[in-house]
PDB file of N, CA and C in Angstrom:
ATOM      1  N   MET A   1      77.195 194.864 201.926  1.00  0.00           N
ATOM      2  CA  MET A   1      76.911 195.421 200.685  1.00  0.00           C
ATOM      3  C   MET A   1      76.055 195.135 200.094  1.00  0.00           C
ATOM      4  N   LYS A   2      74.731 195.267 199.479  1.00  0.00           N
ATOM      5  CA  LYS A   2      73.687 194.274 199.004  1.00  0.00           C
ATOM      6  C   LYS A   2      73.412 194.884 197.742  1.00  0.00           C
ATOM      7  N   SER A   3      73.549 194.035 196.661  1.00  0.00           N
ATOM      8  CA  SER A   3      73.429 194.224 194.621  1.00  0.00           C
ATOM      9  C   SER A   3      71.717 194.746 195.044  1.00  0.00           C
ATOM     10  N   ASP A   4      71.294 196.431 193.964  1.00  0.00           N
ATOM     11  CA  ASP A   4      70.485 196.500 193.343  1.00  0.00           C
ATOM     12  C   ASP A   4      68.974 195.599 193.856  1.00  0.00           C
ATOM     13  N   GLY A   5      68.059 196.001 193.924  1.00  0.00           N
ATOM     14  CA  GLY A   5      66.456 195.145 194.234  1.00  0.00           C
ATOM     15  C   GLY A   5      66.384 194.277 195.013  1.00  0.00           C
ATOM     16  N   THR A   6      67.647 194.185 195.841  1.00  0.00           N
ATOM     17  CA  THR A   6      67.895 193.233 196.964  1.00  0.00           C
ATOM     18  C   THR A   6      66.865 192.818 197.797  1.00  0.00           C
ATOM     19  N   GLU A   7      66.123 192.036 197.476  1.00  0.00           N
ATOM     20  CA  GLU A   7      65.123 192.128 199.022  1.00  0.00           C
ATOM     21  C   GLU A   7      65.244 191.577 200.704  1.00  0.00           C
ATOM     22  N   GLU A   8      65.906 189.836 200.327  1.00  0.00           N
ATOM     23  CA  GLU A   8      67.072 189.986 200.996  1.00  0.00           C
ATOM     24  C   GLU A   8      67.814 189.174 201.118  1.00  0.00           C
ATOM     25  N   PHE A   9      68.197 188.655 201.910  1.00  0.00           N
ATOM     26  CA  PHE A   9      69.005 187.298 201.697  1.00  0.00           C
ATOM     27  C   PHE A   9      68.550 186.232 202.658  1.00  0.00           C
ATOM     28  N   ILE A  10      69.065 185.092 201.410  1.00  0.00           N
ATOM     29  CA  ILE A  10      69.159 183.766 202.252  1.00  0.00           C
ATOM     30  C   ILE A  10      69.879 182.801 201.836  1.00  0.00           C
ATOM     31  N   LEU A  11      69.972 181.728 202.566  1.00  0.00           N
ATOM     32  CA  LEU A  11      70.588 181.100 202.081  1.00  0.00           C
ATOM     33  C   LEU A  11      71.105 180.381 201.041  1.00  0.00           C
ATOM     34  N   LEU A  12      71.867 179.340 199.952  1.00  0.00           N
ATOM     35  CA  LEU A  12      72.205 179.418 199.398  1.00  0.00           C
ATOM     36  C   LEU A  12      71.709 177.821 199.138  1.00  0.00           C
ATOM     37  N   ASP A  13      71.442 176.788 199.936  1.00  0.00           N
ATOM     38  CA  ASP A  13      71.068 175.719 200.316  1.00  0.00           C
ATOM     39  C   ASP A  13      69.533 175.284 200.064  1.00  0.00           C
ATOM     40  N   LYS A  14      68.981 176.432 200.488  1.00  0.00           N
ATOM     41  CA  LYS A  14      67.355 176.947 200.542  1.00  0.00           C
ATOM     42  C   LYS A  14      66.503 176.454 199.118  1.00  0.00           C
ATOM     43  N   ILE A  15      67.597 177.155 198.433  1.00  0.00           N
ATOM     44  CA  ILE A  15      67.337 177.507 196.720  1.00  0.00           C
ATOM     45  C   ILE A  15      67.130 176.614 195.749  1.00  0.00           C
ATOM     46  N   ILE A  16      66.242 176.132 195.868  1.00  0.00           N
ATOM     47  CA  ILE A  16      65.443 175.339 194.372  1.00  0.00           C
ATOM     48  C   ILE A  16      66.033 174.989 193.337  1.00  0.00           C
ATOM     49  N   VAL A  17      66.149 174.254 193.039  1.00  0.00           N
ATOM     50  CA  VAL A  17      67.009 174.878 191.604  1.00  0.00           C
ATOM     51  C   VAL A  17      66.030 173.253 190.577  1.00  0.00           C
ATOM     52  N   SER A  18      65.923 173.615 189.682  1.00  0.00           N
ATOM     53  CA  SER A  18      64.649 172.915 188.941  1.00  0.00           C
ATOM     54  C   SER A  18      65.311 171.620 187.929  1.00  0.00           C
ATOM     55  N   GLU A  19      64.871 170.643 187.159  1.00  0.00           N
ATOM     56  CA  GLU A  19      65.554 170.002 186.442  1.00  0.00           C
ATOM     57  C   GLU A  19      65.561 171.495 185.057  1.00  0.00           C
ATOM     58  N   GLU A  20      64.661 171.620 184.687  1.00  0.00           N
ATOM     59  CA  GLU A  20      64.820 173.007 183.660  1.00  0.00           C
ATOM     60  C   GLU A  20      66.779 173.345 183.738  1.00  0.00           C
ATOM     61  N   PHE A  21      66.696 173.924 185.028  1.00  0.00           N
ATOM     62  CA  PHE A  21      68.007 174.871 185.527  1.00  0.00           C
ATOM     63  C   PHE A  21      69.032 173.218 184.675  1.00  0.00           C
ATOM     64  N   LEU A  22      69.370 171.994 185.677  1.00  0.00           N
ATOM     65  CA  LEU A  22      69.701 171.554 185.915  1.00  0.00           C
ATOM     66  C   LEU A  22      70.411 170.545 184.991  1.00  0.00           C
ATOM     67  N   ASN A  23      69.069 170.970 184.016  1.00  0.00           N
ATOM     68  CA  ASN A  23      69.049 170.137 182.472  1.00  0.00           C
ATOM     69  C   ASN A  23      70.098 171.060 181.056  1.00  0.00           C
ATOM     70  N   THR A  24      70.874 172.288 181.968  1.00  0.00           N
ATOM     71  CA  THR A  24      71.771 173.425 181.256  1.00  0.00           C
ATOM     72  C   THR A  24      72.738 173.931 181.890  1.00  0.00           C
ATOM     73  N   THR A  25      73.475 173.979 181.159  1.00  0.00           N
ATOM     74  CA  THR A  25      74.972 174.351 181.401  1.00  0.00           C
ATOM     75  C   THR A  25      75.366 176.032 181.572  1.00  0.00           C
ATOM     76  N   PRO A  26      75.186 177.218 181.597  1.00  0.00           N
ATOM     77  CA  PRO A  26      75.800 178.295 181.277  1.00  0.00           C
ATOM     78  C   PRO A  26      76.873 178.242 180.990  1.00  0.00           C
ATOM     79  N   SER A  27      77.518 179.279 180.008  1.00  0.00           N
ATOM     80  CA  SER A  27      79.022 179.171 179.088  1.00  0.00           C
ATOM     81  C   SER A  27      79.907 179.379 180.720  1.00  0.00           C
ATOM     82  N   VAL A  28      80.600 178.893 180.457  1.00  0.00           N
ATOM     83  CA  VAL A  28      82.235 178.562 180.967  1.00  0.00           C
ATOM     84  C   VAL A  28      82.667 180.309 181.534  1.00  0.00           C
ATOM     85  N   ASP A  29      82.432 181.109 180.511  1.00  0.00           N
ATOM     86  CA  ASP A  29      82.768 183.092 180.032  1.00  0.00           C
ATOM     87  C   ASP A  29      81.592 183.577 180.973  1.00  0.00           C
ATOM     88  N   LYS A  30      80.447 182.785 181.499  1.00  0.00           N
ATOM     89  CA  LYS A  30      79.350 184.120 181.295  1.00  0.00           C
ATOM     90  C   LYS A  30      79.787 183.767 183.263  1.00  0.00           C
ATOM     91  N   ILE A  31      80.242 182.144 183.418  1.00  0.00           N
ATOM     92  CA  ILE A  31      80.084 182.449 185.156  1.00  0.00           C
ATOM     93  C   ILE A  31      81.311 182.894 184.894  1.00  0.00           C
ATOM     94  N   GLN A  32      82.718 182.708 184.204  1.00  0.00           N
ATOM     95  CA  GLN A  32      84.061 183.426 184.669  1.00  0.00           C
ATOM     96  C   GLN A  32      83.793 184.635 185.094  1.00  0.00           C
ATOM     97  N   LYS A  33      82.815 185.201 183.938  1.00  0.00           N
ATOM     98  CA  LYS A  33      82.487 186.559 184.325  1.00  0.00           C
ATOM     99  C   LYS A  33      81.707 187.338 186.045  1.00  0.00           C
ATOM    100  N   VAL A  34      81.171 186.694 186.508  1.00  0.00           N
ATOM    101  CA  VAL A  34      80.404 186.863 187.752  1.00  0.00           C
ATOM    102  C   VAL A  34      81.486 186.503 188.738  1.00  0.00           C
ATOM    103  N   ILE A  35      82.171 185.947 188.447  1.00  0.00           N
ATOM    104  CA  ILE A  35      82.961 185.117 189.628  1.00  0.00           C
ATOM    105  C   ILE A  35      83.999 186.452 189.775  1.00  0.00           C
ATOM    106  N   ASN A  36      84.231 186.681 188.269  1.00  0.00           N
ATOM    107  CA  ASN A  36      85.158 188.075 187.905  1.00  0.00           C
ATOM    108  C   ASN A  36      84.779 189.442 188.792  1.00  0.00           C
ATOM    109  N   TYR A  37      83.763 189.686 188.503  1.00  0.00           N
ATOM    110  CA  TYR A  37      82.882 190.044 189.520  1.00  0.00           C
ATOM    111  C   TYR A  37      82.624 190.333 191.177  1.00  0.00           C
ATOM    112  N   VAL A  38      82.657 189.691 191.261  1.00  0.00           N
ATOM    113  CA  VAL A  38      82.298 189.130 193.295  1.00  0.00           C
ATOM    114  C   VAL A  38      83.696 189.161 193.128  1.00  0.00           C
ATOM    115  N   LYS A  39      85.295 188.785 192.705  1.00  0.00           N
ATOM    116  CA  LYS A  39      85.489 188.779 193.179  1.00  0.00           C
ATOM    117  C   LYS A  39      86.432 190.363 193.295  1.00  0.00           C
ATOM    118  N   ARG A  40      85.735 190.873 192.711  1.00  0.00           N
ATOM    119  CA  ARG A  40      86.597 192.563 192.582  1.00  0.00           C
ATOM    120  C   ARG A  40      85.405 193.491 193.606  1.00  0.00           C
ATOM    121  N   THR A  41      84.349 193.313 194.084  1.00  0.00           N
ATOM    122  CA  THR A  41      83.381 194.270 193.846  1.00  0.00           C
ATOM    123  C   THR A  41      83.081 193.123 195.312  1.00  0.00           C
ATOM    124  N   GLY A  42      83.451 191.999 195.870  1.00  0.00           N
ATOM    125  CA  GLY A  42      82.590 191.378 197.474  1.00  0.00           C
ATOM    126  C   GLY A  42      81.328 191.643 197.092  1.00  0.00           C
ATOM    127  N   VAL A  43      80.417 190.810 196.120  1.00  0.00           N
ATOM    128  CA  VAL A  43      79.279 190.854 195.927  1.00  0.00           C
ATOM    129  C   VAL A  43      78.042 190.098 194.012  1.00  0.00           C
ATOM    130  N   LEU A  44      77.441 189.988 194.254  1.00  0.00           N
ATOM    131  CA  LEU A  44      76.584 189.358 193.113  1.00  0.00           C
ATOM    132  C   LEU A  44      76.209 190.549 192.391  1.00  0.00           C
ATOM    133  N   ASP A  45      76.334 190.551 191.156  1.00  0.00           N
ATOM    134  CA  ASP A  45      75.809 191.624 190.072  1.00  0.00           C
ATOM    135  C   ASP A  45      74.817 192.171 190.269  1.00  0.00           C
ATOM    136  N   GLU A  46      73.739 191.251 190.837  1.00  0.00           N
ATOM    137  CA  GLU A  46      72.260 190.949 190.677  1.00  0.00           C
ATOM    138  C   GLU A  46      71.937 189.993 191.769  1.00  0.00           C
ATOM    139  N   PRO A  47      70.662 190.213 192.202  1.00  0.00           N
ATOM    140  CA  PRO A  47      70.034 189.125 192.946  1.00  0.00           C
ATOM    141  C   PRO A  47      69.985 187.263 191.951  1.00  0.00           C
ATOM    142  N   ILE A  48      69.569 186.459 192.902  1.00  0.00           N
ATOM    143  CA  ILE A  48      69.186 185.542 192.668  1.00  0.00           C
ATOM    144  C   ILE A  48      67.036 185.393 192.732  1.00  0.00           C
ATOM    145  N   THR A  49      66.339 185.007 191.275  1.00  0.00           N
ATOM    146  CA  THR A  49      65.133 185.364 191.155  1.00  0.00           C
ATOM    147  C   THR A  49      64.826 184.043 191.678  1.00  0.00           C
ATOM    148  N   ILE A  50      64.009 184.431 193.050  1.00  0.00           N
ATOM    149  CA  ILE A  50      62.638 182.816 193.359  1.00  0.00           C
ATOM    150  C   ILE A  50      61.867 183.482 193.287  1.00  0.00           C
ATOM    151  N   ASN A  51      60.804 181.933 193.704  1.00  0.00           N
ATOM    152  CA  ASN A  51      59.369 182.656 193.821  1.00  0.00           C
ATOM    153  C   ASN A  51      59.444 182.174 195.316  1.00  0.00           C
ATOM    154  N   ARG A  52      58.548 183.107 195.496  1.00  0.00           N
ATOM    155  CA  ARG A  52      58.218 183.434 197.219  1.00  0.00           C
ATOM    156  C   ARG A  52      57.812 181.619 197.903  1.00  0.00           C
ATOM    157  N   ASN A  53      57.145 181.286 197.228  1.00  0.00           N
ATOM    158  CA  ASN A  53      55.547 180.356 198.473  1.00  0.00           C
ATOM    159  C   ASN A  53      56.724 179.007 197.609  1.00  0.00           C
ATOM    160  N   THR A  54      57.281 178.939 196.885  1.00  0.00           N
ATOM    161  CA  THR A  54      57.977 177.662 196.843  1.00  0.00           C
ATOM    162  C   THR A  54      59.318 177.344 196.734  1.00  0.00           C
ATOM    163  N   MET A  55      60.640 179.039 196.669  1.00  0.00           N
ATOM    164  CA  MET A  55      61.967 178.756 197.167  1.00  0.00           C
ATOM    165  C   MET A  55      62.673 178.267 195.239  1.00  0.00           C
ATOM    166  N   ILE A  56      61.571 177.880 194.219  1.00  0.00           N
ATOM    167  CA  ILE A  56      62.411 177.704 193.109  1.00  0.00           C
ATOM    168  C   ILE A  56      63.047 178.279 192.338  1.00  0.00           C
ATOM    169  N   LEU A  57      64.397 178.887 192.151  1.00  0.00           N
ATOM    170  CA  LEU A  57      64.947 180.072 191.365  1.00  0.00           C
ATOM    171  C   LEU A  57      64.023 179.786 190.294  1.00  0.00           C
ATOM    172  N   THR A  58      63.938 181.190 189.313  1.00  0.00           N
ATOM    173  CA  THR A  58      62.891 181.584 188.647  1.00  0.00           C
ATOM    174  C   THR A  58      64.288 182.438 187.619  1.00  0.00           C
ATOM    175  N   ASP A  59      65.520 182.660 187.847  1.00  0.00           N
ATOM    176  CA  ASP A  59      66.132 183.508 186.974  1.00  0.00           C
ATOM    177  C   ASP A  59      67.177 183.925 187.547  1.00  0.00           C
ATOM    178  N   GLY A  60      68.378 183.368 187.363  1.00  0.00           N
ATOM    179  CA  GLY A  60      69.663 183.702 188.195  1.00  0.00           C
ATOM    180  C   GLY A  60      70.737 182.864 188.238  1.00  0.00           C
ATOM    181  N   TYR A  61      70.681 181.095 186.910  1.00  0.00           N
ATOM    182  CA  TYR A  61      71.465 180.278 187.760  1.00  0.00           C
ATOM    183  C   TYR A  61      72.623 180.529 187.197  1.00  0.00           C
ATOM    184  N   THR A  62      73.279 181.508 186.325  1.00  0.00           N
ATOM    185  CA  THR A  62      74.735 181.066 186.395  1.00  0.00           C
ATOM    186  C   THR A  62      74.829 182.075 187.721  1.00  0.00           C
ATOM    187  N   ARG A  63      74.025 183.077 188.593  1.00  0.00           N
ATOM    188  CA  ARG A  63      74.815 183.315 189.775  1.00  0.00           C
ATOM    189  C   ARG A  63      75.455 182.352 190.793  1.00  0.00           C
ATOM    190  N   TYR A  64      74.197 181.823 191.149  1.00  0.00           N
ATOM    191  CA  TYR A  64      73.652 180.167 191.930  1.00  0.00           C
ATOM    192  C   TYR A  64      74.816 179.584 191.751  1.00  0.00           C
ATOM    193  N   ILE A  65      75.621 179.176 190.635  1.00  0.00           N
ATOM    194  CA  ILE A  65      76.350 178.574 189.897  1.00  0.00           C
ATOM    195  C   ILE A  65      78.024 179.476 190.148  1.00  0.00           C
ATOM    196  N   SER A  66      78.083 180.896 189.978  1.00  0.00           N
ATOM    197  CA  SER A  66      79.269 181.762 190.865  1.00  0.00           C
ATOM    198  C   SER A  66      79.203 181.039 192.454  1.00  0.00           C
ATOM    199  N   ALA A  67      78.510 181.674 192.696  1.00  0.00           N
ATOM    200  CA  ALA A  67      77.724 181.610 194.382  1.00  0.00           C
ATOM    201  C   ALA A  67      78.691 180.320 195.193  1.00  0.00           C
ATOM    202  N   LEU A  68      77.616 179.073 194.237  1.00  0.00           N
ATOM    203  CA  LEU A  68      78.180 177.729 194.637  1.00  0.00           C
ATOM    204  C   LEU A  68      79.770 177.514 194.477  1.00  0.00           C
ATOM    205  N   LYS A  69      80.426 178.343 193.408  1.00  0.00           N
ATOM    206  CA  LYS A  69      81.653 178.232 193.260  1.00  0.00           C
ATOM    207  C   LYS A  69      82.320 178.944 194.096  1.00  0.00           C
ATOM    208  N   LEU A  70      82.439 179.690 193.988  1.00  0.00           N
ATOM    209  CA  LEU A  70      83.192 180.871 195.471  1.00  0.00           C
ATOM    210  C   LEU A  70      82.777 180.405 197.358  1.00  0.00           C
ATOM    211  N   GLY A  71      81.686 179.503 196.915  1.00  0.00           N
ATOM    212  CA  GLY A  71      81.749 179.420 198.585  1.00  0.00           C
ATOM    213  C   GLY A  71      80.836 179.615 199.153  1.00  0.00           C
ATOM    214  N   ILE A  72      79.652 181.206 198.851  1.00  0.00           N
ATOM    215  CA  ILE A  72      79.075 181.915 199.451  1.00  0.00           C
ATOM    216  C   ILE A  72      78.036 181.154 199.410  1.00  0.00           C
ATOM    217  N   ASP A  73      77.495 181.419 200.778  1.00  0.00           N
ATOM    218  CA  ASP A  73      76.166 181.032 202.105  1.00  0.00           C
ATOM    219  C   ASP A  73      75.429 181.464 201.746  1.00  0.00           C
ATOM    220  N   LEU A  74      75.628 182.813 202.042  1.00  0.00           N
ATOM    221  CA  LEU A  74      74.461 184.061 202.117  1.00  0.00           C
ATOM    222  C   LEU A  74      74.115 184.530 200.831  1.00  0.00           C
ATOM    223  N   VAL A  75      73.107 184.140 199.903  1.00  0.00           N
ATOM    224  CA  VAL A  75      72.769 185.040 198.872  1.00  0.00           C
ATOM    225  C   VAL A  75      71.878 186.097 198.459  1.00  0.00           C
ATOM    226  N   PRO A  76      72.160 187.056 198.337  1.00  0.00           N
ATOM    227  CA  PRO A  76      70.702 188.405 197.798  1.00  0.00           C
ATOM    228  C   PRO A  76      70.076 187.618 197.103  1.00  0.00           C
ATOM    229  N   ILE A  77      68.730 187.510 197.088  1.00  0.00           N
ATOM    230  CA  ILE A  77      67.477 187.378 196.278  1.00  0.00           C
ATOM    231  C   ILE A  77      66.530 188.265 195.760  1.00  0.00           C
ATOM    232  N   VAL A  78      65.670 188.262 194.289  1.00  0.00           N
ATOM    233  CA  VAL A  78      64.694 189.390 195.034  1.00  0.00           C
ATOM    234  C   VAL A  78      63.177 187.657 194.025  1.00  0.00           C
ATOM    235  N   TYR A  79      62.399 188.371 195.042  1.00  0.00           N
ATOM    236  CA  TYR A  79      61.228 187.317 194.519  1.00  0.00           C
ATOM    237  C   TYR A  79      60.858 188.004 193.347  1.00  0.00           C
ATOM    238  N   GLU A  80      60.097 186.455 192.737  1.00  0.00           N
ATOM    239  CA  GLU A  80      60.012 187.545 191.508  1.00  0.00           C
ATOM    240  C   GLU A  80      58.281 187.550 191.302  1.00  0.00           C
ATOM    241  N   ASN A  81      58.326 188.589 190.512  1.00  0.00           N
ATOM    242  CA  ASN A  81      57.233 189.414 190.081  1.00  0.00           C
ATOM    243  C   ASN A  81      55.930 188.054 189.602  1.00  0.00           C
ATOM    244  N   GLU A  82      54.730 187.518 190.481  1.00  0.00           N
ATOM    245  CA  GLU A  82      53.733 187.336 190.077  1.00  0.00           C
ATOM    246  C   GLU A  82      52.877 187.089 189.343  1.00  0.00           C
ATOM    247  N   LEU A  83      52.124 188.438 189.656  1.00  0.00           N
ATOM    248  CA  LEU A  83      52.237 189.513 188.588  1.00  0.00           C
ATOM    249  C   LEU A  83      52.085 189.163 186.919  1.00  0.00           C
ATOM    250  N   LEU A  84      53.122 189.035 187.034  1.00  0.00           N
ATOM    251  CA  LEU A  84      53.879 189.299 185.382  1.00  0.00           C
ATOM    252  C   LEU A  84      53.638 187.726 184.587  1.00  0.00           C
ATOM    253  N   HIS A  85      53.378 186.486 185.736  1.00  0.00           N
ATOM    254  CA  HIS A  85      53.106 185.237 185.605  1.00  0.00           C
ATOM    255  C   HIS A  85      52.234 184.316 184.950  1.00  0.00           C
ATOM    256  N   ASN A  86      51.600 185.823 185.612  1.00  0.00           N
ATOM    257  CA  ASN A  86      49.648 185.643 185.768  1.00  0.00           C
ATOM    258  C   ASN A  86      49.424 185.944 184.750  1.00  0.00           C
ATOM    259  N   LYS A  87      49.949 186.661 184.210  1.00  0.00           N
ATOM    260  CA  LYS A  87      48.703 187.514 182.652  1.00  0.00           C
ATOM    261  C   LYS A  87      48.216 186.267 181.656  1.00  0.00           C
TER     262      LYS A  87
END
């Protein structure tokens, strides 16, 4: 089963997390909500968004941390829409 919008699955350790994300901490509440959802449904609520060329995480840091805490090796991802970022 996969999250809606998933383009593919990759190993969590292939995702590069930028300093921008590493210097922030999502709230314990947000992380717990995602963890509870995964435990209930077996999947992340949404795919993690990464840059196709660099593999850098661009959205979904809370989902990334939750997957890490749950020991999920293979995660659903979607590639960011480069057109939106080049405007």
